[in-house]
Amino acid sequence: MAERILICDDDPVQRRLLEEAVRRFGHVAIVVESGVDAVARLTGPEGRSFALLILDLVMPDLDGMGVLLKLREAGVSLPVIVQTSHGGIDTVVSAMRAGAFDFVVKPVSPERLQVSIQNGLKFGALEDEVARARRTATGTLTFEDLATASPSMERVIRLGRRASASNIPILIEGESGVGKELIARAIQGSSDRRAKPFVTVNCGAIAENLVESILFGHEKGAFTGAVDKHVGKFQEAHGGTLFLDEVGELPPEVQVKLLRAIQEGEIDPVGSRKPVKVDFRLISATNRSLLDMTKEGRFREDLYYRLNVFPIWIPPLRDRREDIPELVKTFVARFAAEEGRRRLIGVAPEAMALLEAYDWPGNIRQLENAVFRAVVLSDEAWLTVDEFPQIAAQVERAPVLPRHHRLIAIEGRAVAETSPYIGLPQVVAAPSSGEPAMTGWSPSAAGLTAGSGPTPFGFLRSLDADGHVRDLAAIEEEMIRVAIDHYGGRMTEVARRLGIGRSTLYRKLKEYGLEEGAGIEAAE
């Protein structure tokens, strides 16, 4: 995996040699001439983007030892490889005590430098993961600890920072596995409730007859089997944050009590004669549409508006593929340490390209499990495509559509003619300018005219057998069929993806005669 490496040396010849070596190892080399410039870079806005520093020990103005001390004072933590032409034992000891990771003597061989860089990157990734885990456990995780390079996630982080400045109720929405709890923890860690209790409740994993007791607690003898007093999750979260995951699964009678807890700041434990005051910050999360559930009468409307005061939607991983390399790096560091795979360095470029090409329906959770399995399977220094057989098989099954046989020019750019399929065109290089150009597929070459062959999955015909545009009802019926097939007959998911309510979906199924044989009964 390519990392940004900062090189600090006052000798121009050494800078060029190190820069060329780092690039040959597959990383991005950033070069500065002085210790002052290095400190400015690492303590500035882009400081967190650097994975490693190669530092000359003897420099004018601010030498290598001075740089190490200033970085320690600024709280900057990254592996530092110190190099000098004077390799005395006293110098080595002093540099290591100041925070250096490794020490090399000029002129360093490329092989020695590559091993040092690989070890430094592994150490840095593992150190970051350990620090992140520690902050998660202590309730001090912040948005700076999140691994993201996606513009859409930057918006999520901006909203989260705003929300953390107050006690406003937050509703985090997104598919399963996108990291809703991590965002909730970052909100708490960035607020004045940091280091206070963070209590998580998975509302969908609690038996319906136990929900009230677990959330609000109960008194001794309140019901059969209540041999002791039980403090509920609300009281556990007193002074801190209560995170209700899958809040849409709460039974109606519990929704009423939750509404009172939010409005009045007090709860009624089961069997208690008087209410109990609680001070908590409420963050809710759901992978379903609470608005649709409210319209269908399965979720209280007044509670919905109490929870949905500050909504934050987290995009799925397929819509922020820029995050995949950083997430993979984090997972590899953690699992390599846990499984004792000391030789493991990272992920080979072709394997990373495979991971970025996959859609990840299970989002970050699925990616984490895939990397875990790959680390267990691997005996080499790099994870390759062979360690991701299921992902490779599914990526290879994706339809590869023939490219368009002819391009036309529009405003100086090479652009394809319109495809009869509703789908996304591919990108190729324009013949004249070398710039990216859009290309589609030829109806004649690809056999895409109506009736000429099967439609590739995920695409809809826009023309009928006579070459005319199909009517909207036919396209809608086909889209519903595709959605039911794609989501295995899970009608809640089908309705959500189509942007309609379940009642509307079932009405359309009846209109188009899709109630029988559509794969619905088995899935529902």
Protein backbone atom coordinates (compact mmCIF):
# COMPACT_ATOMS: atom_id res chain seq x y z
CA MET A 1 0.00 0.00 0.00
CA ALA A 2 1.40 3.39 -0.97
CA GLU A 3 2.09 5.65 2.00
CA ARG A 4 3.21 9.27 2.26
CA ILE A 5 6.78 9.40 3.57
CA LEU A 6 8.48 12.66 4.57
CA ILE A 7 12.22 12.95 3.84
CA CYS A 8 14.22 15.60 5.72
CA ASP A 9 17.87 16.10 4.70
CA ASP A 10 19.96 19.21 4.01
CA ASP A 11 22.14 17.38 1.44
CA PRO A 12 20.53 17.65 -2.04
CA VAL A 13 22.28 14.49 -3.29
CA GLN A 14 21.01 12.45 -0.34
CA ARG A 15 17.51 13.88 -0.79
CA ARG A 16 17.40 12.79 -4.43
CA LEU A 17 18.71 9.30 -3.61
CA LEU A 18 16.20 8.80 -0.80
CA GLU A 19 13.34 10.20 -2.86
CA GLU A 20 14.07 7.83 -5.74
CA ALA A 21 14.40 4.85 -3.41
CA VAL A 22 11.11 5.59 -1.61
CA ARG A 23 9.26 5.93 -4.92
CA ARG A 24 10.79 2.70 -6.18
CA PHE A 25 9.42 0.97 -3.08
CA GLY A 26 5.94 2.10 -4.15
CA HIS A 27 5.39 5.01 -1.75
CA VAL A 28 4.85 8.76 -2.12
CA ALA A 29 7.96 10.79 -1.22
CA ILE A 30 7.67 14.35 0.11
CA VAL A 31 11.01 16.19 0.51
CA VAL A 32 12.02 19.08 2.81
CA GLU A 33 15.43 20.66 3.30
CA SER A 34 15.48 21.53 7.01
CA GLY A 35 14.28 20.42 10.40
CA VAL A 36 12.14 23.54 10.71
CA ASP A 37 10.27 22.63 7.51
CA ALA A 38 9.79 19.04 8.73
CA VAL A 39 8.27 20.17 12.04
CA ALA A 40 6.01 22.64 10.20
CA ARG A 41 4.76 19.90 7.88
CA LEU A 42 4.14 17.33 10.60
CA THR A 43 2.39 19.74 12.97
CA GLY A 44 0.34 21.37 10.21
CA PRO A 45 -3.01 20.38 8.67
CA GLU A 46 -1.48 17.62 6.53
CA GLY A 47 0.59 16.15 9.38
CA ARG A 48 -1.68 13.15 9.93
CA SER A 49 -1.32 12.11 6.29
CA PHE A 50 2.35 11.16 6.75
CA ALA A 51 3.06 7.57 7.76
CA LEU A 52 6.82 7.83 8.36
CA LEU A 53 9.72 10.30 8.59
CA ILE A 54 13.27 9.73 7.31
CA LEU A 55 15.36 12.26 9.24
CA ASP A 56 18.97 13.37 8.88
CA LEU A 57 20.55 13.80 12.29
CA VAL A 58 23.11 16.52 11.43
CA MET A 59 21.54 19.68 9.94
CA PRO A 60 21.97 23.43 10.42
CA ASP A 61 19.44 25.52 12.39
CA LEU A 62 17.38 22.62 13.81
CA ASP A 63 19.12 19.23 13.82
CA GLY A 64 17.52 15.79 13.96
CA MET A 65 17.53 15.59 17.76
CA GLY A 66 15.80 18.96 17.93
CA VAL A 67 13.14 17.74 15.47
CA LEU A 68 12.47 14.64 17.59
CA LEU A 69 12.06 16.73 20.74
CA LYS A 70 9.71 19.23 19.06
CA LEU A 71 7.57 16.43 17.63
CA ARG A 72 7.30 14.87 21.08
CA GLU A 73 6.28 18.22 22.59
CA ALA A 74 3.63 18.67 19.88
CA GLY A 75 2.22 15.20 20.52
CA VAL A 76 3.05 14.00 16.99
CA SER A 77 3.49 10.23 16.93
CA LEU A 78 4.89 8.53 13.83
CA PRO A 79 7.85 6.20 13.16
CA VAL A 80 11.11 8.09 12.54
CA ILE A 81 14.12 6.55 10.79
CA VAL A 82 17.22 8.54 11.70
CA GLN A 83 20.23 8.53 9.38
CA THR A 84 23.70 10.00 9.85
CA SER A 85 27.27 9.46 8.71
CA HIS A 86 28.38 9.18 12.35
CA GLY A 87 27.12 5.92 13.81
CA GLY A 88 28.52 6.02 17.33
CA ILE A 89 26.71 4.04 20.01
CA ASP A 90 26.07 7.18 22.07
CA THR A 91 24.38 8.82 19.09
CA VAL A 92 22.20 5.77 18.51
CA VAL A 93 21.11 5.59 22.15
CA SER A 94 20.33 9.32 22.27
CA ALA A 95 18.24 9.14 19.09
CA MET A 96 16.29 6.11 20.32
CA ARG A 97 15.59 7.77 23.67
CA ALA A 98 14.32 10.84 21.82
CA GLY A 99 11.77 8.71 19.98
CA ALA A 100 13.47 7.34 16.85
CA PHE A 101 12.21 3.99 15.57
CA ASP A 102 15.32 2.92 13.67
CA PHE A 103 18.85 4.14 12.91
CA VAL A 104 20.77 3.77 9.63
CA VAL A 105 24.28 4.89 8.69
CA LYS A 106 25.01 6.73 5.45
CA PRO A 107 25.33 5.53 2.77
CA VAL A 108 22.46 3.12 3.46
CA SER A 109 21.83 0.27 1.01
CA PRO A 110 18.41 0.14 -0.70
CA GLU A 111 17.73 -3.27 0.83
CA ARG A 112 18.43 -2.05 4.36
CA LEU A 113 16.32 1.06 3.82
CA GLN A 114 13.40 -0.94 2.43
CA VAL A 115 13.37 -3.29 5.43
CA SER A 116 13.51 -0.33 7.81
CA ILE A 117 10.63 1.42 6.03
CA GLN A 118 8.49 -1.73 6.00
CA ASN A 119 9.06 -2.34 9.70
CA GLY A 120 8.38 1.32 10.50
CA LEU A 121 5.09 1.32 8.59
CA LYS A 122 3.96 -1.89 10.32
CA PHE A 123 4.86 -0.46 13.71
CA GLY A 124 3.10 2.84 13.00
CA ALA A 125 -0.10 1.15 11.82
CA LEU A 126 -0.18 -1.12 14.86
CA GLU A 127 0.55 1.76 17.23
CA ASP A 128 -2.31 3.76 15.71
CA GLU A 129 -4.67 0.82 16.09
CA VAL A 130 -3.68 0.24 19.73
CA ALA A 131 -4.14 3.94 20.51
CA ARG A 132 -7.53 3.95 18.77
CA ALA A 133 -8.65 0.89 20.73
CA ARG A 134 -7.52 2.50 23.98
CA ARG A 135 -9.43 5.69 23.26
CA THR A 136 -12.51 3.69 22.30
CA ALA A 137 -12.40 1.84 25.61
CA THR A 138 -11.96 5.04 27.63
CA GLY A 139 -14.62 7.03 25.78
CA THR A 140 -12.12 9.52 24.33
CA LEU A 141 -12.28 8.48 20.67
CA THR A 142 -12.49 11.55 18.40
CA PHE A 143 -13.13 12.20 14.74
CA GLU A 144 -9.36 12.47 14.17
CA ASP A 145 -9.17 8.73 14.91
CA LEU A 146 -11.50 7.77 12.05
CA ALA A 147 -9.88 6.30 8.95
CA THR A 148 -11.45 8.15 6.03
CA ALA A 149 -10.48 9.95 2.85
CA SER A 150 -13.97 10.32 1.41
CA PRO A 151 -15.67 13.70 0.76
CA SER A 152 -19.03 12.21 1.76
CA MET A 153 -17.58 11.12 5.10
CA GLU A 154 -16.08 14.56 5.60
CA ARG A 155 -19.65 15.86 5.60
CA VAL A 156 -20.60 13.27 8.22
CA ILE A 157 -17.65 14.35 10.36
CA ARG A 158 -18.59 18.03 10.03
CA LEU A 159 -22.12 17.26 11.20
CA GLY A 160 -20.79 15.11 14.02
CA ARG A 161 -18.52 17.89 15.26
CA ARG A 162 -21.46 20.30 15.28
CA ALA A 163 -23.66 17.83 17.12
CA SER A 164 -21.01 17.07 19.75
CA ALA A 165 -21.08 20.68 20.93
CA SER A 166 -24.60 20.24 22.37
CA ASN A 167 -26.87 17.60 23.91
CA ILE A 168 -29.24 17.53 20.94
CA PRO A 169 -30.74 14.06 20.22
CA ILE A 170 -29.06 12.48 17.19
CA LEU A 171 -30.40 9.88 14.77
CA ILE A 172 -27.69 8.09 12.77
CA GLU A 173 -29.02 6.34 9.68
CA GLY A 174 -27.25 3.98 7.33
CA GLU A 175 -26.98 0.40 6.17
CA SER A 176 -25.82 -2.33 8.51
CA GLY A 177 -22.06 -2.32 8.98
CA VAL A 178 -21.27 1.25 7.89
CA GLY A 179 -19.89 2.30 11.29
CA LYS A 180 -22.80 3.99 13.04
CA GLU A 181 -21.57 3.09 16.53
CA LEU A 182 -18.08 4.40 15.72
CA ILE A 183 -19.55 7.77 14.73
CA ALA A 184 -21.59 7.80 17.94
CA ARG A 185 -18.45 7.12 20.00
CA ALA A 186 -16.60 9.90 18.17
CA ILE A 187 -19.45 12.32 18.95
CA GLN A 188 -19.24 11.44 22.63
CA GLY A 189 -15.43 11.62 22.65
CA SER A 190 -15.57 15.10 21.12
CA SER A 191 -18.18 16.40 23.59
CA ASP A 192 -18.07 17.51 27.21
CA ARG A 193 -19.21 13.97 28.14
CA ARG A 194 -15.91 12.42 27.00
CA ALA A 195 -14.52 9.71 29.28
CA LYS A 196 -18.03 9.29 30.76
CA PRO A 197 -20.08 6.06 30.37
CA PHE A 198 -20.98 5.06 26.82
CA VAL A 199 -23.75 2.46 27.06
CA THR A 200 -24.76 0.53 23.94
CA VAL A 201 -28.09 -1.25 23.54
CA ASN A 202 -28.96 -3.34 20.49
CA CYS A 203 -32.73 -3.01 20.55
CA GLY A 204 -33.19 -5.76 17.96
CA ALA A 205 -31.29 -8.36 19.99
CA ILE A 206 -33.40 -8.19 23.17
CA ALA A 207 -36.37 -10.45 23.79
CA GLU A 208 -39.56 -8.39 23.66
CA ASN A 209 -40.59 -9.30 27.23
CA LEU A 210 -37.20 -8.16 28.59
CA VAL A 211 -36.79 -4.85 26.77
CA GLU A 212 -38.48 -2.71 29.41
CA SER A 213 -36.54 -4.27 32.28
CA ILE A 214 -33.17 -4.00 30.52
CA LEU A 215 -33.68 -0.39 29.47
CA PHE A 216 -35.37 1.05 32.55
CA GLY A 217 -34.45 -1.47 35.26
CA HIS A 218 -36.69 -3.14 37.82
CA GLU A 219 -37.19 -3.36 41.56
CA LYS A 220 -36.80 -6.52 43.60
CA GLY A 221 -39.98 -8.58 43.41
CA ALA A 222 -41.42 -6.54 40.52
CA PHE A 223 -42.23 -9.77 38.67
CA THR A 224 -41.61 -13.49 38.95
CA GLY A 225 -37.87 -14.11 38.93
CA ALA A 226 -36.90 -10.57 39.96
CA VAL A 227 -34.93 -11.67 43.00
CA ASP A 228 -32.71 -8.57 43.00
CA LYS A 229 -32.92 -4.93 42.04
CA HIS A 230 -31.65 -4.29 38.50
CA VAL A 231 -30.26 -0.97 37.28
CA GLY A 232 -31.31 -0.34 33.68
CA LYS A 233 -29.27 0.99 30.80
CA PHE A 234 -30.59 4.52 31.26
CA GLN A 235 -29.21 4.65 34.78
CA GLU A 236 -25.94 3.06 33.65
CA ALA A 237 -25.56 5.89 31.14
CA HIS A 238 -26.17 8.59 33.79
CA GLY A 239 -23.79 11.47 33.04
CA GLY A 240 -22.74 9.89 29.75
CA THR A 241 -24.23 8.69 26.47
CA LEU A 242 -26.89 6.09 25.70
CA PHE A 243 -26.61 4.59 22.21
CA LEU A 244 -29.78 2.82 21.04
CA ASP A 245 -28.87 0.73 18.01
CA GLU A 246 -31.70 -0.47 15.74
CA VAL A 247 -34.13 1.75 17.64
CA GLY A 248 -36.90 0.91 15.16
CA GLU A 249 -37.17 -2.57 16.70
CA LEU A 250 -38.51 -1.26 20.03
CA PRO A 251 -42.02 -2.54 20.91
CA PRO A 252 -44.82 0.09 20.99
CA GLU A 253 -45.23 0.04 24.79
CA VAL A 254 -41.52 0.72 25.28
CA GLN A 255 -41.63 3.53 22.72
CA VAL A 256 -44.05 5.37 25.05
CA LYS A 257 -41.67 5.12 28.01
CA LEU A 258 -38.72 6.17 25.84
CA LEU A 259 -40.64 9.27 24.78
CA ARG A 260 -41.22 10.20 28.42
CA ALA A 261 -37.56 9.63 29.28
CA ILE A 262 -36.50 12.02 26.50
CA GLN A 263 -39.11 14.66 27.34
CA GLU A 264 -38.90 14.64 31.14
CA GLY A 265 -35.40 13.32 31.78
CA GLU A 266 -36.77 10.63 34.08
CA ILE A 267 -37.64 6.94 33.89
CA ASP A 268 -39.99 4.56 35.67
CA PRO A 269 -38.24 1.27 36.60
CA VAL A 270 -40.55 -1.74 36.57
CA GLY A 271 -42.18 -2.04 39.99
CA SER A 272 -40.89 1.33 41.21
CA ARG A 273 -43.26 3.67 43.06
CA LYS A 274 -41.53 6.87 41.94
CA PRO A 275 -39.66 8.00 38.83
CA VAL A 276 -35.86 8.27 38.73
CA LYS A 277 -34.11 11.31 37.28
CA VAL A 278 -31.43 10.50 34.69
CA ASP A 279 -28.94 12.70 32.86
CA PHE A 280 -27.99 11.16 29.52
CA ARG A 281 -27.13 12.05 25.95
CA LEU A 282 -29.26 10.02 23.53
CA ILE A 283 -27.90 8.83 20.18
CA SER A 284 -30.10 6.49 18.16
CA ALA A 285 -29.26 4.48 15.07
CA THR A 286 -31.21 2.52 12.50
CA ASN A 287 -30.65 0.73 9.20
CA ARG A 288 -34.33 1.05 8.32
CA SER A 289 -36.47 3.99 7.31
CA LEU A 290 -38.17 5.20 10.49
CA LEU A 291 -40.24 7.58 8.39
CA ASP A 292 -41.75 4.69 6.43
CA MET A 293 -42.34 2.77 9.65
CA THR A 294 -44.09 5.83 11.07
CA LYS A 295 -46.33 6.12 8.01
CA GLU A 296 -47.20 2.44 8.31
CA GLY A 297 -48.08 2.84 12.01
CA ARG A 298 -45.23 0.64 13.30
CA PHE A 299 -43.34 3.48 15.00
CA ARG A 300 -44.78 6.33 17.04
CA GLU A 301 -44.85 9.60 15.13
CA ASP A 302 -44.20 11.76 18.21
CA LEU A 303 -41.19 9.63 19.16
CA TYR A 304 -39.87 9.80 15.60
CA TYR A 305 -39.78 13.59 15.71
CA ARG A 306 -38.12 13.48 19.14
CA LEU A 307 -35.35 11.20 17.85
CA ASN A 308 -34.91 12.77 14.42
CA VAL A 309 -33.88 16.21 15.68
CA PHE A 310 -30.36 16.01 14.22
CA PRO A 311 -30.19 13.27 11.53
CA ILE A 312 -26.83 12.04 10.22
CA TRP A 313 -26.77 9.66 7.26
CA ILE A 314 -23.66 7.52 6.74
CA PRO A 315 -23.09 6.46 3.11
CA PRO A 316 -22.40 2.79 2.34
CA LEU A 317 -18.85 1.69 1.61
CA ARG A 318 -19.52 1.27 -2.12
CA ASP A 319 -20.16 5.04 -2.29
CA ARG A 320 -16.88 5.91 -0.54
CA ARG A 321 -14.33 3.54 -2.00
CA GLU A 322 -11.58 6.04 -1.15
CA ASP A 323 -11.83 4.75 2.43
CA ILE A 324 -11.06 1.13 1.55
CA PRO A 325 -7.21 1.37 1.49
CA GLU A 326 -7.04 3.08 4.88
CA LEU A 327 -9.54 0.66 6.42
CA VAL A 328 -7.64 -2.32 5.01
CA LYS A 329 -4.38 -0.95 6.42
CA THR A 330 -5.97 -0.63 9.85
CA PHE A 331 -7.44 -4.14 9.78
CA VAL A 332 -4.23 -5.75 8.52
CA ALA A 333 -2.21 -4.13 11.32
CA ARG A 334 -4.65 -5.31 13.99
CA PHE A 335 -5.16 -8.87 12.77
CA ALA A 336 -1.49 -9.43 11.93
CA ALA A 337 -0.64 -8.55 15.53
CA GLU A 338 -3.48 -10.63 16.99
CA GLU A 339 -2.65 -13.68 14.87
CA GLY A 340 1.14 -13.39 15.26
CA ARG A 341 1.76 -12.85 11.52
CA ARG A 342 5.00 -10.90 11.99
CA ARG A 343 6.08 -11.27 8.37
CA LEU A 344 2.91 -9.68 7.01
CA ILE A 345 3.58 -6.23 5.56
CA GLY A 346 0.42 -5.22 3.74
CA VAL A 347 -1.77 -5.81 0.68
CA ALA A 348 -0.44 -6.26 -2.84
CA PRO A 349 -1.64 -3.64 -5.41
CA GLU A 350 -3.68 -6.15 -7.44
CA ALA A 351 -5.44 -7.36 -4.28
CA MET A 352 -6.19 -3.79 -3.24
CA ALA A 353 -7.62 -3.10 -6.71
CA LEU A 354 -9.85 -6.16 -6.26
CA LEU A 355 -11.11 -4.93 -2.89
CA GLU A 356 -11.83 -1.48 -4.32
CA ALA A 357 -13.77 -3.01 -7.23
CA TYR A 358 -16.15 -4.98 -5.00
CA ASP A 359 -19.43 -3.39 -3.83
CA TRP A 360 -19.33 -4.67 -0.21
CA PRO A 361 -23.04 -5.17 0.53
CA GLY A 362 -22.06 -5.87 4.16
CA ASN A 363 -20.03 -2.65 4.23
CA ILE A 364 -17.14 -2.19 6.69
CA ARG A 365 -18.09 -5.22 8.76
CA GLN A 366 -17.83 -7.47 5.70
CA LEU A 367 -14.51 -5.87 4.67
CA GLU A 368 -13.14 -6.43 8.19
CA ASN A 369 -14.11 -10.10 8.13
CA ALA A 370 -12.63 -10.57 4.64
CA VAL A 371 -9.31 -9.10 5.75
CA PHE A 372 -9.34 -11.22 8.92
CA ARG A 373 -9.79 -14.37 6.85
CA ALA A 374 -7.05 -13.30 4.43
CA VAL A 375 -4.59 -12.66 7.27
CA VAL A 376 -5.28 -16.13 8.69
CA LEU A 377 -4.80 -17.74 5.26
CA SER A 378 -1.63 -15.88 4.32
CA ASP A 379 1.90 -17.17 4.90
CA GLU A 380 3.61 -14.53 2.78
CA ALA A 381 4.65 -10.92 3.34
CA TRP A 382 1.81 -9.53 1.22
CA LEU A 383 -1.88 -10.36 0.97
CA THR A 384 -2.65 -11.30 -2.63
CA VAL A 385 -5.78 -11.99 -4.66
CA ASP A 386 -5.48 -15.67 -3.65
CA GLU A 387 -6.37 -14.75 -0.06
CA PHE A 388 -9.71 -13.24 -1.19
CA PRO A 389 -11.27 -16.10 -3.22
CA GLN A 390 -14.92 -15.24 -2.52
CA ILE A 391 -14.42 -11.60 -3.40
CA ALA A 392 -12.52 -12.48 -6.58
CA ALA A 393 -15.26 -14.88 -7.65
CA GLN A 394 -17.99 -12.29 -7.21
CA VAL A 395 -16.04 -9.54 -8.96
CA GLU A 396 -15.32 -11.86 -11.88
CA ARG A 397 -19.05 -12.70 -12.19
CA ALA A 398 -19.91 -9.03 -12.75
CA PRO A 399 -21.06 -8.45 -16.35
CA VAL A 400 -18.31 -7.21 -18.65
CA LEU A 401 -20.12 -5.37 -21.40
CA PRO A 402 -18.52 -4.88 -24.83
CA ARG A 403 -17.05 -1.45 -25.45
CA HIS A 404 -18.52 0.87 -28.04
CA HIS A 405 -17.00 0.43 -31.49
CA ARG A 406 -17.19 4.15 -32.34
CA LEU A 407 -16.73 7.47 -30.53
CA ILE A 408 -18.07 10.86 -31.53
CA ALA A 409 -16.63 14.25 -30.54
CA ILE A 410 -18.64 16.74 -28.48
CA GLU A 411 -16.98 20.04 -27.56
CA GLY A 412 -13.53 18.63 -28.16
CA ARG A 413 -14.08 15.48 -26.03
CA ALA A 414 -14.61 11.94 -27.23
CA VAL A 415 -18.08 10.82 -26.13
CA ALA A 416 -20.02 7.67 -26.92
CA GLU A 417 -23.37 7.38 -28.60
CA THR A 418 -26.34 6.67 -26.35
CA SER A 419 -26.77 3.08 -25.18
CA PRO A 420 -30.26 1.51 -25.26
CA TYR A 421 -29.62 0.39 -21.67
CA ILE A 422 -30.23 2.51 -18.61
CA GLY A 423 -26.80 2.22 -17.03
CA LEU A 424 -23.47 3.90 -16.45
CA PRO A 425 -20.95 4.27 -19.29
CA GLN A 426 -17.32 3.26 -18.94
CA VAL A 427 -14.30 5.59 -19.08
CA VAL A 428 -11.58 5.25 -21.70
CA ALA A 429 -8.89 7.55 -23.05
CA ALA A 430 -9.94 9.98 -25.75
CA PRO A 431 -8.04 9.19 -28.98
CA SER A 432 -6.92 12.75 -29.67
CA SER A 433 -6.30 14.50 -26.35
CA GLY A 434 -5.55 11.55 -24.08
CA GLU A 435 -8.14 12.84 -21.60
CA PRO A 436 -10.79 10.58 -20.10
CA ALA A 437 -13.82 10.12 -22.27
CA MET A 438 -17.16 8.42 -21.78
CA THR A 439 -17.93 5.35 -23.81
CA GLY A 440 -21.06 3.26 -24.05
CA TRP A 441 -21.92 0.16 -26.07
CA SER A 442 -22.98 -0.31 -29.65
CA PRO A 443 -26.51 -1.67 -30.06
CA SER A 444 -25.47 -3.65 -33.12
CA ALA A 445 -22.13 -4.89 -31.82
CA ALA A 446 -23.35 -5.80 -28.36
CA GLY A 447 -26.66 -7.27 -29.47
CA LEU A 448 -28.64 -4.94 -27.24
CA THR A 449 -31.66 -4.33 -29.43
CA ALA A 450 -34.88 -5.64 -27.94
CA GLY A 451 -35.28 -9.36 -28.40
CA SER A 452 -31.69 -9.92 -29.53
CA GLY A 453 -30.48 -11.53 -26.31
CA PRO A 454 -30.69 -11.52 -22.55
CA THR A 455 -30.36 -8.22 -20.76
CA PRO A 456 -27.24 -8.04 -18.52
CA PHE A 457 -28.27 -8.04 -14.88
CA GLY A 458 -28.65 -4.54 -13.46
CA PHE A 459 -29.56 -2.93 -16.79
CA LEU A 460 -33.01 -2.23 -18.27
CA ARG A 461 -34.01 -2.04 -21.90
CA SER A 462 -35.20 1.41 -22.89
CA LEU A 463 -36.34 0.43 -26.43
CA ASP A 464 -38.98 -2.09 -27.46
CA ALA A 465 -38.83 -4.60 -30.34
CA ASP A 466 -39.90 -1.91 -32.83
CA GLY A 467 -37.19 0.50 -31.68
CA HIS A 468 -39.58 2.78 -29.80
CA VAL A 469 -39.14 3.92 -26.19
CA ARG A 470 -40.85 1.50 -23.79
CA ASP A 471 -43.72 2.81 -21.65
CA LEU A 472 -43.04 3.64 -18.02
CA ALA A 473 -45.29 0.90 -16.62
CA ALA A 474 -43.24 -1.82 -18.35
CA ILE A 475 -39.98 -0.34 -17.09
CA GLU A 476 -41.38 -0.01 -13.56
CA GLU A 477 -42.53 -3.64 -13.56
CA GLU A 478 -39.10 -4.82 -14.72
CA MET A 479 -37.35 -2.64 -12.13
CA ILE A 480 -39.46 -4.19 -9.36
CA ARG A 481 -38.61 -7.68 -10.64
CA VAL A 482 -34.90 -6.83 -10.67
CA ALA A 483 -35.06 -5.39 -7.13
CA ILE A 484 -36.90 -8.45 -5.75
CA ASP A 485 -34.34 -10.75 -7.37
CA HIS A 486 -31.36 -8.64 -6.28
CA TYR A 487 -32.45 -8.42 -2.63
CA GLY A 488 -33.65 -12.00 -2.35
CA GLY A 489 -37.30 -11.14 -1.86
CA ARG A 490 -36.67 -9.03 1.28
CA MET A 491 -39.54 -6.64 0.68
CA THR A 492 -38.55 -4.11 3.32
CA GLU A 493 -35.19 -3.68 1.62
CA VAL A 494 -36.79 -3.69 -1.84
CA ALA A 495 -39.20 -0.91 -0.85
CA ARG A 496 -36.42 1.12 0.76
CA ARG A 497 -34.16 0.82 -2.29
CA LEU A 498 -36.98 1.75 -4.66
CA GLY A 499 -37.85 4.74 -2.49
CA ILE A 500 -41.45 3.72 -1.82
CA GLY A 501 -43.41 2.42 1.17
CA ARG A 502 -44.15 -1.28 1.65
CA SER A 503 -47.88 -0.72 1.16
CA THR A 504 -47.18 0.99 -2.17
CA LEU A 505 -44.88 -1.85 -3.18
CA TYR A 506 -47.49 -4.53 -2.41
CA ARG A 507 -50.11 -2.54 -4.34
CA LYS A 508 -47.84 -2.46 -7.40
CA LEU A 509 -47.09 -6.18 -7.04
CA LYS A 510 -50.83 -6.82 -7.23
CA GLU A 511 -51.22 -4.51 -10.24
CA TYR A 512 -48.44 -6.28 -12.17
CA GLY A 513 -49.40 -9.78 -11.04
CA LEU A 514 -46.10 -10.35 -9.26
CA GLU A 515 -47.53 -11.72 -6.02
CA GLU A 516 -46.95 -15.32 -7.01
CA GLY A 517 -43.60 -16.74 -8.05
CA ALA A 518 -41.61 -13.60 -7.28
CA GLY A 519 -39.51 -15.20 -4.55
CA ILE A 520 -41.36 -13.29 -1.87
CA GLU A 521 -42.88 -15.92 0.37
CA ALA A 522 -39.65 -17.72 1.21
CA ALA A 523 -37.82 -14.54 2.07
CA GLU A 524 -40.58 -12.86 4.03
